[in-house]
Amino acid sequence: MKAAALDRTLAALADPHRRRVVELLREHPRPAGDLARAVGVAPPAMSRHLRALREGGIVEESHPAFDARVRIYALRAEPMMDLLRWLEETERMWSEQLSALKRHVEGPAER
């Protein structure tokens, strides 16, 4: 994952309201109004949160054929999969470093 994309994903997830939106969208796509009510924020505030999530690439919006004014939001898998890969690589690096430290601390003292 490129650093800029990772930065956008992490910035989008930095806010607790946006993380709650992600949790809700894991269940199924939802209209913006439903998300605002479920999160407990005013529609203009939800609009700003959804814009940040869109710009971070985490959600996508669509319009149902019956009403172009309604926006339905759904999660995009790619940014989350990239974040998961980055976290796994970071965890692997820390595990290797901690194992090396353990070997050093428990190893025979050369005096």
N, C-alpha and C. Protein backbone atom coordinates (compact mmCIF):
# COMPACT_ATOMS: atom_id res chain seq x y z
N MET A 1 0.85 -1.18 0.00
CA MET A 1 0.00 0.00 0.00
C MET A 1 0.89 1.23 0.00
N LYS A 2 0.57 2.17 -0.85
CA LYS A 2 1.33 3.40 -0.91
C LYS A 2 1.06 4.22 0.35
N ALA A 3 2.08 4.95 0.78
CA ALA A 3 1.97 5.73 2.01
C ALA A 3 0.83 6.73 1.95
N ALA A 4 0.64 7.40 0.83
CA ALA A 4 -0.42 8.40 0.72
C ALA A 4 -1.80 7.77 0.88
N ALA A 5 -2.01 6.61 0.28
CA ALA A 5 -3.30 5.93 0.40
C ALA A 5 -3.54 5.48 1.84
N LEU A 6 -2.49 4.95 2.46
CA LEU A 6 -2.61 4.53 3.86
C LEU A 6 -2.91 5.73 4.74
N ASP A 7 -2.25 6.85 4.50
CA ASP A 7 -2.50 8.06 5.27
C ASP A 7 -3.95 8.50 5.14
N ARG A 8 -4.50 8.47 3.92
CA ARG A 8 -5.90 8.86 3.70
C ARG A 8 -6.85 7.92 4.44
N THR A 9 -6.56 6.62 4.39
CA THR A 9 -7.42 5.65 5.08
C THR A 9 -7.40 5.88 6.58
N LEU A 10 -6.20 6.02 7.14
CA LEU A 10 -6.09 6.23 8.58
C LEU A 10 -6.71 7.56 9.01
N ALA A 11 -6.54 8.61 8.21
CA ALA A 11 -7.14 9.90 8.53
C ALA A 11 -8.67 9.79 8.53
N ALA A 12 -9.21 9.07 7.56
CA ALA A 12 -10.66 8.91 7.48
C ALA A 12 -11.20 8.13 8.67
N LEU A 13 -10.41 7.20 9.19
CA LEU A 13 -10.86 6.37 10.32
C LEU A 13 -10.54 6.99 11.67
N ALA A 14 -9.90 8.14 11.69
CA ALA A 14 -9.46 8.75 12.94
C ALA A 14 -10.62 9.23 13.81
N ASP A 15 -11.73 9.54 13.22
CA ASP A 15 -12.87 10.09 13.96
C ASP A 15 -13.79 8.95 14.44
N PRO A 16 -14.23 8.99 15.71
CA PRO A 16 -15.10 7.92 16.22
C PRO A 16 -16.44 7.82 15.50
N HIS A 17 -16.98 8.96 15.02
CA HIS A 17 -18.24 8.90 14.28
C HIS A 17 -18.05 8.15 12.96
N ARG A 18 -16.92 8.39 12.31
CA ARG A 18 -16.67 7.70 11.04
C ARG A 18 -16.43 6.21 11.26
N ARG A 19 -15.76 5.87 12.35
CA ARG A 19 -15.59 4.44 12.65
C ARG A 19 -16.95 3.78 12.91
N ARG A 20 -17.86 4.49 13.55
CA ARG A 20 -19.20 3.96 13.79
C ARG A 20 -19.93 3.76 12.46
N VAL A 21 -19.76 4.69 11.54
CA VAL A 21 -20.37 4.55 10.21
C VAL A 21 -19.84 3.27 9.55
N VAL A 22 -18.53 3.03 9.64
CA VAL A 22 -17.95 1.82 9.05
C VAL A 22 -18.58 0.58 9.69
N GLU A 23 -18.74 0.60 11.02
CA GLU A 23 -19.37 -0.53 11.70
C GLU A 23 -20.79 -0.77 11.18
N LEU A 24 -21.54 0.29 11.01
CA LEU A 24 -22.91 0.16 10.51
C LEU A 24 -22.94 -0.36 9.07
N LEU A 25 -22.02 0.13 8.26
CA LEU A 25 -22.00 -0.30 6.85
C LEU A 25 -21.48 -1.72 6.68
N ARG A 26 -20.81 -2.25 7.69
CA ARG A 26 -20.41 -3.66 7.61
C ARG A 26 -21.63 -4.56 7.55
N GLU A 27 -22.73 -4.12 8.16
CA GLU A 27 -23.96 -4.90 8.15
C GLU A 27 -24.62 -4.89 6.78
N HIS A 28 -24.76 -3.70 6.18
CA HIS A 28 -25.36 -3.54 4.85
C HIS A 28 -25.27 -2.08 4.44
N PRO A 29 -25.39 -1.80 3.14
CA PRO A 29 -25.41 -0.40 2.68
C PRO A 29 -26.60 0.34 3.29
N ARG A 30 -26.42 1.65 3.47
CA ARG A 30 -27.48 2.44 4.10
C ARG A 30 -27.54 3.84 3.49
N PRO A 31 -28.73 4.43 3.54
CA PRO A 31 -28.85 5.83 3.13
C PRO A 31 -28.18 6.75 4.15
N ALA A 32 -27.78 7.92 3.69
CA ALA A 32 -27.11 8.89 4.56
C ALA A 32 -27.98 9.26 5.76
N GLY A 33 -29.28 9.45 5.54
CA GLY A 33 -30.17 9.81 6.64
C GLY A 33 -30.22 8.76 7.73
N ASP A 34 -30.26 7.49 7.32
CA ASP A 34 -30.26 6.40 8.31
C ASP A 34 -28.97 6.41 9.12
N LEU A 35 -27.85 6.67 8.43
CA LEU A 35 -26.56 6.71 9.13
C LEU A 35 -26.53 7.86 10.13
N ALA A 36 -27.05 9.02 9.74
CA ALA A 36 -27.06 10.18 10.64
C ALA A 36 -27.88 9.87 11.89
N ARG A 37 -29.05 9.26 11.72
CA ARG A 37 -29.88 8.91 12.87
C ARG A 37 -29.20 7.87 13.75
N ALA A 38 -28.61 6.85 13.14
CA ALA A 38 -27.98 5.78 13.92
C ALA A 38 -26.75 6.27 14.69
N VAL A 39 -26.02 7.20 14.12
CA VAL A 39 -24.81 7.72 14.77
C VAL A 39 -25.17 8.84 15.74
N GLY A 40 -26.31 9.49 15.52
CA GLY A 40 -26.73 10.55 16.41
C GLY A 40 -26.11 11.90 16.09
N VAL A 41 -25.93 12.16 14.80
CA VAL A 41 -25.40 13.46 14.37
C VAL A 41 -26.38 14.09 13.38
N ALA A 42 -26.28 15.39 13.26
CA ALA A 42 -27.13 16.12 12.31
C ALA A 42 -26.74 15.77 10.88
N PRO A 43 -27.69 15.83 9.96
CA PRO A 43 -27.37 15.52 8.55
C PRO A 43 -26.18 16.28 7.97
N PRO A 44 -26.03 17.59 8.24
CA PRO A 44 -24.84 18.26 7.69
C PRO A 44 -23.53 17.68 8.23
N ALA A 45 -23.52 17.32 9.50
CA ALA A 45 -22.31 16.71 10.08
C ALA A 45 -22.06 15.34 9.44
N MET A 46 -23.12 14.58 9.24
CA MET A 46 -22.95 13.26 8.60
C MET A 46 -22.44 13.43 7.19
N SER A 47 -22.91 14.44 6.50
CA SER A 47 -22.43 14.71 5.15
C SER A 47 -20.91 14.93 5.15
N ARG A 48 -20.41 15.68 6.12
CA ARG A 48 -18.96 15.92 6.21
C ARG A 48 -18.22 14.62 6.51
N HIS A 49 -18.76 13.80 7.41
CA HIS A 49 -18.12 12.52 7.72
C HIS A 49 -18.11 11.59 6.51
N LEU A 50 -19.21 11.55 5.78
CA LEU A 50 -19.28 10.69 4.60
C LEU A 50 -18.33 11.19 3.50
N ARG A 51 -18.19 12.49 3.39
CA ARG A 51 -17.24 13.04 2.42
C ARG A 51 -15.81 12.60 2.78
N ALA A 52 -15.47 12.67 4.06
CA ALA A 52 -14.13 12.23 4.49
C ALA A 52 -13.93 10.75 4.21
N LEU A 53 -14.95 9.94 4.44
CA LEU A 53 -14.85 8.50 4.16
C LEU A 53 -14.74 8.24 2.66
N ARG A 54 -15.47 9.01 1.85
CA ARG A 54 -15.37 8.88 0.38
C ARG A 54 -13.99 9.27 -0.09
N GLU A 55 -13.49 10.41 0.40
CA GLU A 55 -12.17 10.87 -0.01
C GLU A 55 -11.08 9.91 0.45
N GLY A 56 -11.31 9.22 1.56
CA GLY A 56 -10.38 8.20 2.03
C GLY A 56 -10.53 6.89 1.27
N GLY A 57 -11.51 6.83 0.38
CA GLY A 57 -11.72 5.62 -0.43
C GLY A 57 -12.42 4.50 0.30
N ILE A 58 -12.92 4.77 1.50
CA ILE A 58 -13.49 3.71 2.33
C ILE A 58 -14.93 3.39 1.95
N VAL A 59 -15.68 4.41 1.53
CA VAL A 59 -17.06 4.17 1.13
C VAL A 59 -17.27 4.66 -0.30
N GLU A 60 -18.32 4.14 -0.90
CA GLU A 60 -18.76 4.62 -2.20
C GLU A 60 -20.25 4.91 -2.10
N GLU A 61 -20.69 5.82 -2.92
CA GLU A 61 -22.11 6.16 -2.90
C GLU A 61 -22.75 5.78 -4.22
N SER A 62 -24.03 5.47 -4.12
CA SER A 62 -24.81 5.18 -5.31
C SER A 62 -26.18 5.83 -5.13
N HIS A 63 -26.90 5.93 -6.21
CA HIS A 63 -28.24 6.52 -6.19
C HIS A 63 -29.22 5.48 -6.70
N PRO A 64 -30.26 5.17 -5.93
CA PRO A 64 -31.25 4.21 -6.43
C PRO A 64 -32.02 4.81 -7.61
N ALA A 65 -32.46 3.95 -8.49
CA ALA A 65 -33.16 4.40 -9.70
C ALA A 65 -34.44 5.16 -9.37
N PHE A 66 -35.07 4.84 -8.24
CA PHE A 66 -36.35 5.46 -7.92
C PHE A 66 -36.23 6.90 -7.42
N ASP A 67 -35.03 7.32 -6.95
CA ASP A 67 -34.89 8.68 -6.43
C ASP A 67 -33.41 9.08 -6.43
N ALA A 68 -33.04 9.93 -7.39
CA ALA A 68 -31.64 10.34 -7.53
C ALA A 68 -31.17 11.22 -6.37
N ARG A 69 -32.10 11.73 -5.56
CA ARG A 69 -31.70 12.56 -4.42
C ARG A 69 -31.18 11.71 -3.26
N VAL A 70 -31.56 10.45 -3.22
CA VAL A 70 -31.15 9.55 -2.13
C VAL A 70 -29.76 9.02 -2.44
N ARG A 71 -28.92 9.03 -1.45
CA ARG A 71 -27.57 8.48 -1.60
C ARG A 71 -27.44 7.28 -0.67
N ILE A 72 -27.04 6.17 -1.27
CA ILE A 72 -26.81 4.95 -0.51
C ILE A 72 -25.31 4.75 -0.39
N TYR A 73 -24.85 4.50 0.81
CA TYR A 73 -23.42 4.33 1.06
C TYR A 73 -23.11 2.87 1.36
N ALA A 74 -21.98 2.42 0.81
CA ALA A 74 -21.51 1.05 1.03
C ALA A 74 -20.00 1.09 1.22
N LEU A 75 -19.50 0.10 1.92
CA LEU A 75 -18.05 -0.01 2.14
C LEU A 75 -17.36 -0.49 0.88
N ARG A 76 -16.13 -0.04 0.70
CA ARG A 76 -15.25 -0.55 -0.34
C ARG A 76 -14.23 -1.44 0.36
N ALA A 77 -14.00 -2.60 -0.14
CA ALA A 77 -13.11 -3.56 0.52
C ALA A 77 -11.63 -3.21 0.36
N GLU A 78 -11.25 -2.63 -0.76
CA GLU A 78 -9.83 -2.46 -1.07
C GLU A 78 -9.04 -1.70 0.00
N PRO A 79 -9.50 -0.52 0.45
CA PRO A 79 -8.71 0.20 1.45
C PRO A 79 -8.55 -0.58 2.76
N MET A 80 -9.59 -1.30 3.14
CA MET A 80 -9.52 -2.06 4.39
C MET A 80 -8.58 -3.25 4.23
N MET A 81 -8.58 -3.88 3.06
CA MET A 81 -7.66 -4.99 2.82
C MET A 81 -6.22 -4.49 2.80
N ASP A 82 -5.99 -3.31 2.20
CA ASP A 82 -4.65 -2.73 2.19
C ASP A 82 -4.20 -2.40 3.61
N LEU A 83 -5.11 -1.87 4.42
CA LEU A 83 -4.80 -1.55 5.81
C LEU A 83 -4.48 -2.83 6.58
N LEU A 84 -5.24 -3.86 6.34
CA LEU A 84 -4.99 -5.15 7.01
C LEU A 84 -3.61 -5.69 6.64
N ARG A 85 -3.25 -5.62 5.37
CA ARG A 85 -1.92 -6.09 4.95
C ARG A 85 -0.82 -5.28 5.64
N TRP A 86 -1.00 -3.96 5.72
CA TRP A 86 -0.02 -3.11 6.38
C TRP A 86 0.11 -3.47 7.85
N LEU A 87 -1.03 -3.70 8.52
CA LEU A 87 -1.01 -4.08 9.93
C LEU A 87 -0.33 -5.44 10.13
N GLU A 88 -0.58 -6.38 9.22
CA GLU A 88 0.07 -7.69 9.32
C GLU A 88 1.58 -7.56 9.15
N GLU A 89 2.01 -6.74 8.20
CA GLU A 89 3.45 -6.53 8.00
C GLU A 89 4.08 -5.87 9.23
N THR A 90 3.38 -4.91 9.80
CA THR A 90 3.88 -4.22 10.99
C THR A 90 3.94 -5.19 12.16
N GLU A 91 2.93 -6.01 12.33
CA GLU A 91 2.91 -7.00 13.42
C GLU A 91 4.06 -7.99 13.25
N ARG A 92 4.31 -8.41 12.02
CA ARG A 92 5.39 -9.36 11.74
C ARG A 92 6.74 -8.73 12.11
N MET A 93 6.94 -7.47 11.76
CA MET A 93 8.18 -6.77 12.08
C MET A 93 8.36 -6.68 13.59
N TRP A 94 7.31 -6.31 14.31
CA TRP A 94 7.42 -6.22 15.77
C TRP A 94 7.66 -7.58 16.40
N SER A 95 7.03 -8.61 15.89
CA SER A 95 7.26 -9.96 16.43
C SER A 95 8.71 -10.37 16.25
N GLU A 96 9.27 -10.09 15.08
CA GLU A 96 10.68 -10.42 14.84
C GLU A 96 11.58 -9.63 15.78
N GLN A 97 11.29 -8.37 15.97
CA GLN A 97 12.12 -7.54 16.86
C GLN A 97 12.01 -8.01 18.30
N LEU A 98 10.80 -8.35 18.74
CA LEU A 98 10.64 -8.83 20.11
C LEU A 98 11.31 -10.19 20.30
N SER A 99 11.26 -11.04 19.31
CA SER A 99 11.94 -12.34 19.39
C SER A 99 13.45 -12.14 19.49
N ALA A 100 13.98 -11.22 18.72
CA ALA A 100 15.42 -10.94 18.77
C ALA A 100 15.80 -10.40 20.14
N LEU A 101 14.98 -9.53 20.70
CA LEU A 101 15.25 -8.99 22.03
C LEU A 101 15.21 -10.10 23.07
N LYS A 102 14.24 -10.98 22.97
CA LYS A 102 14.12 -12.10 23.92
C LYS A 102 15.37 -12.98 23.84
N ARG A 103 15.81 -13.30 22.62
CA ARG A 103 17.02 -14.12 22.47
C ARG A 103 18.23 -13.42 23.08
N HIS A 104 18.31 -12.12 22.89
CA HIS A 104 19.42 -11.36 23.44
C HIS A 104 19.39 -11.36 24.97
N VAL A 105 18.21 -11.12 25.55
CA VAL A 105 18.09 -11.05 27.01
C VAL A 105 18.30 -12.42 27.65
N GLU A 106 17.78 -13.46 27.03
CA GLU A 106 17.87 -14.81 27.62
C GLU A 106 19.14 -15.53 27.24
N GLY A 107 19.90 -14.99 26.30
CA GLY A 107 21.11 -15.65 25.82
C GLY A 107 22.22 -15.65 26.88
N PRO A 108 23.25 -16.46 26.64
CA PRO A 108 24.35 -16.52 27.60
C PRO A 108 25.11 -15.18 27.63
N ALA A 109 25.44 -14.78 28.81
CA ALA A 109 26.20 -13.53 28.96
C ALA A 109 27.66 -13.80 28.63
N GLU A 110 28.20 -12.97 27.77
CA GLU A 110 29.61 -13.12 27.38
C GLU A 110 30.41 -12.10 28.17
N ARG A 111 31.03 -12.57 29.24
CA ARG A 111 31.83 -11.68 30.09
C ARG A 111 33.17 -12.28 30.31
